[in-house]
Amino acid sequence: MIVQGGVAEVAEGGCWPQLKNGGRIACLFMEGPWARCVLGYKSDHGIAAQKALMPAGPLLMGLPARRRIQL
């Protein structure tokens, strides 16, 4: 399963039940402008996750951006 877009967190009841044992998940967890790519593997014991890399990229066109006050 690939989550296509950055998230702040993945809720416990969100997409986890859809992932069967032996399944894998890749997700970008946003931390400000930076992302932490996490790869997970589901087993009988839960999901084992490891940080893969810290990518950065351009903002996607057409998505709303927050206004910032410039001093």
N, C-alpha and C. Protein backbone atom coordinates (compact mmCIF):
# COMPACT_ATOMS: atom_id res chain seq x y z
N MET A 1 0.85 -1.15 0.00
CA MET A 1 0.00 0.00 0.00
C MET A 1 0.91 1.22 0.00
N ILE A 2 0.62 2.17 -0.87
CA ILE A 2 1.37 3.42 -0.92
C ILE A 2 0.41 4.56 -0.65
N VAL A 3 0.72 5.36 0.36
CA VAL A 3 -0.08 6.54 0.65
C VAL A 3 0.51 7.66 -0.20
N GLN A 4 -0.24 8.13 -1.18
CA GLN A 4 0.28 9.11 -2.13
C GLN A 4 0.01 10.52 -1.65
N GLY A 5 0.89 11.02 -0.83
CA GLY A 5 0.78 12.36 -0.28
C GLY A 5 1.29 12.34 1.15
N GLY A 6 1.63 13.51 1.65
CA GLY A 6 2.14 13.61 3.00
C GLY A 6 1.02 13.62 4.03
N VAL A 7 1.30 13.03 5.18
CA VAL A 7 0.33 13.00 6.28
C VAL A 7 1.03 13.42 7.57
N ALA A 8 0.25 13.88 8.54
CA ALA A 8 0.80 14.19 9.85
C ALA A 8 0.88 12.92 10.69
N GLU A 9 -0.13 12.04 10.53
CA GLU A 9 -0.17 10.76 11.24
C GLU A 9 -1.15 9.84 10.54
N VAL A 10 -1.07 8.57 10.83
CA VAL A 10 -2.03 7.60 10.31
C VAL A 10 -2.83 7.09 11.49
N ALA A 11 -4.13 7.33 11.47
CA ALA A 11 -5.00 6.93 12.58
C ALA A 11 -5.02 5.41 12.72
N GLU A 12 -5.16 4.96 13.95
CA GLU A 12 -5.17 3.51 14.25
C GLU A 12 -6.21 2.76 13.42
N GLY A 13 -7.40 3.31 13.27
CA GLY A 13 -8.45 2.62 12.53
C GLY A 13 -8.46 2.97 11.05
N GLY A 14 -7.53 3.79 10.58
CA GLY A 14 -7.50 4.25 9.20
C GLY A 14 -7.28 3.13 8.19
N CYS A 15 -6.12 3.10 7.59
CA CYS A 15 -5.86 2.10 6.54
C CYS A 15 -5.24 0.82 7.08
N TRP A 16 -4.87 0.78 8.36
CA TRP A 16 -4.22 -0.43 8.91
C TRP A 16 -5.06 -1.70 8.75
N PRO A 17 -6.38 -1.69 9.01
CA PRO A 17 -7.15 -2.92 8.86
C PRO A 17 -7.18 -3.45 7.41
N GLN A 18 -6.96 -2.57 6.43
CA GLN A 18 -6.96 -3.01 5.03
C GLN A 18 -5.68 -3.74 4.66
N LEU A 19 -4.64 -3.58 5.46
CA LEU A 19 -3.35 -4.20 5.19
C LEU A 19 -3.34 -5.59 5.81
N LYS A 20 -3.19 -6.62 4.99
CA LYS A 20 -3.18 -7.98 5.55
C LYS A 20 -1.78 -8.38 5.97
N ASN A 21 -1.67 -9.45 6.75
CA ASN A 21 -0.36 -9.94 7.21
C ASN A 21 0.54 -10.18 6.02
N GLY A 22 1.77 -9.71 6.14
CA GLY A 22 2.73 -9.82 5.05
C GLY A 22 2.69 -8.60 4.14
N GLY A 23 1.69 -7.74 4.34
CA GLY A 23 1.56 -6.54 3.51
C GLY A 23 2.56 -5.47 3.92
N ARG A 24 2.83 -4.57 2.98
CA ARG A 24 3.77 -3.48 3.22
C ARG A 24 3.07 -2.15 2.98
N ILE A 25 3.57 -1.12 3.65
CA ILE A 25 3.03 0.22 3.48
C ILE A 25 4.19 1.21 3.39
N ALA A 26 4.03 2.21 2.54
CA ALA A 26 5.00 3.30 2.42
C ALA A 26 4.23 4.60 2.58
N CYS A 27 4.75 5.49 3.41
CA CYS A 27 4.03 6.72 3.72
C CYS A 27 5.03 7.84 4.00
N LEU A 28 4.67 9.07 3.62
CA LEU A 28 5.46 10.25 3.93
C LEU A 28 4.83 10.98 5.11
N PHE A 29 5.55 11.07 6.21
CA PHE A 29 5.09 11.82 7.37
C PHE A 29 5.72 13.19 7.31
N MET A 30 4.88 14.22 7.22
CA MET A 30 5.36 15.58 7.07
C MET A 30 5.79 16.18 8.40
N GLU A 31 6.92 16.86 8.36
CA GLU A 31 7.44 17.61 9.51
C GLU A 31 7.83 18.98 8.98
N GLY A 32 6.86 19.89 8.93
CA GLY A 32 7.08 21.19 8.29
C GLY A 32 7.27 20.98 6.80
N PRO A 33 8.29 21.57 6.19
CA PRO A 33 8.51 21.39 4.76
C PRO A 33 9.20 20.06 4.43
N TRP A 34 9.64 19.35 5.44
CA TRP A 34 10.37 18.09 5.23
C TRP A 34 9.45 16.90 5.44
N ALA A 35 9.84 15.80 4.85
CA ALA A 35 9.06 14.57 4.99
C ALA A 35 9.98 13.46 5.49
N ARG A 36 9.38 12.53 6.20
CA ARG A 36 10.10 11.35 6.67
C ARG A 36 9.41 10.17 6.00
N CYS A 37 10.11 9.47 5.12
CA CYS A 37 9.53 8.33 4.42
C CYS A 37 9.65 7.11 5.34
N VAL A 38 8.51 6.48 5.62
CA VAL A 38 8.48 5.33 6.51
C VAL A 38 7.95 4.12 5.75
N LEU A 39 8.66 3.02 5.86
CA LEU A 39 8.25 1.76 5.27
C LEU A 39 7.82 0.83 6.39
N GLY A 40 6.66 0.22 6.23
CA GLY A 40 6.14 -0.67 7.27
C GLY A 40 5.82 -2.05 6.72
N TYR A 41 5.87 -3.04 7.59
CA TYR A 41 5.58 -4.43 7.25
C TYR A 41 4.66 -4.98 8.33
N LYS A 42 3.49 -5.50 7.94
CA LYS A 42 2.53 -6.00 8.92
C LYS A 42 2.69 -7.50 9.13
N SER A 43 2.71 -7.89 10.40
CA SER A 43 2.77 -9.31 10.78
C SER A 43 1.76 -9.55 11.90
N ASP A 44 1.75 -10.75 12.44
CA ASP A 44 0.87 -11.07 13.56
C ASP A 44 1.17 -10.20 14.79
N HIS A 45 2.38 -9.68 14.87
CA HIS A 45 2.82 -8.90 16.02
C HIS A 45 2.55 -7.40 15.85
N GLY A 46 1.99 -6.98 14.73
CA GLY A 46 1.73 -5.56 14.48
C GLY A 46 2.47 -5.09 13.24
N ILE A 47 2.78 -3.82 13.22
CA ILE A 47 3.50 -3.24 12.08
C ILE A 47 4.88 -2.82 12.52
N ALA A 48 5.88 -3.36 11.84
CA ALA A 48 7.27 -2.96 12.08
C ALA A 48 7.58 -1.88 11.06
N ALA A 49 8.06 -0.74 11.52
CA ALA A 49 8.33 0.38 10.62
C ALA A 49 9.79 0.80 10.72
N GLN A 50 10.30 1.28 9.59
CA GLN A 50 11.65 1.81 9.57
C GLN A 50 11.68 3.06 8.72
N LYS A 51 12.48 4.03 9.16
CA LYS A 51 12.62 5.26 8.40
C LYS A 51 13.55 4.98 7.22
N ALA A 52 13.12 5.35 6.01
CA ALA A 52 13.90 5.04 4.83
C ALA A 52 14.77 6.22 4.39
N LEU A 53 14.18 7.40 4.27
CA LEU A 53 14.92 8.57 3.83
C LEU A 53 14.14 9.82 4.16
N MET A 54 14.74 10.97 3.98
CA MET A 54 14.07 12.24 4.26
C MET A 54 14.03 13.06 2.98
N PRO A 55 13.02 12.83 2.13
CA PRO A 55 12.94 13.55 0.86
C PRO A 55 12.39 14.96 1.03
N ALA A 56 12.66 15.78 0.06
CA ALA A 56 12.04 17.10 -0.03
C ALA A 56 11.67 17.28 -1.49
N GLY A 57 10.64 18.04 -1.74
CA GLY A 57 10.22 18.23 -3.12
C GLY A 57 9.40 19.48 -3.26
N PRO A 58 9.03 19.80 -4.47
CA PRO A 58 8.25 21.01 -4.71
C PRO A 58 6.81 20.84 -4.25
N LEU A 59 6.15 21.96 -3.99
CA LEU A 59 4.74 21.93 -3.65
C LEU A 59 3.93 21.55 -4.88
N LEU A 60 2.86 20.82 -4.70
CA LEU A 60 1.99 20.42 -5.79
C LEU A 60 1.10 21.59 -6.20
N MET A 61 0.96 21.78 -7.49
CA MET A 61 0.12 22.87 -8.00
C MET A 61 -1.35 22.59 -7.71
N GLY A 62 -2.11 23.65 -7.45
CA GLY A 62 -3.55 23.51 -7.27
C GLY A 62 -3.98 23.19 -5.86
N LEU A 63 -3.05 22.97 -4.95
CA LEU A 63 -3.41 22.68 -3.56
C LEU A 63 -3.29 23.97 -2.74
N PRO A 64 -4.22 24.21 -1.82
CA PRO A 64 -4.16 25.46 -1.06
C PRO A 64 -2.94 25.51 -0.15
N ALA A 65 -2.36 26.68 -0.04
CA ALA A 65 -1.22 26.90 0.84
C ALA A 65 -1.64 27.84 1.95
N ARG A 66 -1.05 27.70 3.13
CA ARG A 66 -1.35 28.60 4.23
C ARG A 66 -0.67 29.94 3.99
N ARG A 67 -1.34 30.99 4.38
CA ARG A 67 -0.74 32.31 4.29
C ARG A 67 0.29 32.47 5.40
N ARG A 68 1.37 33.14 5.08
CA ARG A 68 2.37 33.42 6.09
C ARG A 68 2.58 34.92 6.18
N ILE A 69 2.79 35.40 7.38
CA ILE A 69 3.05 36.82 7.59
C ILE A 69 4.53 37.06 7.43
N GLN A 70 4.88 37.98 6.55
CA GLN A 70 6.29 38.32 6.35
C GLN A 70 6.58 39.59 7.11
N LEU A 71 7.65 39.60 7.87
CA LEU A 71 8.06 40.79 8.62
C LEU A 71 9.11 41.54 7.88
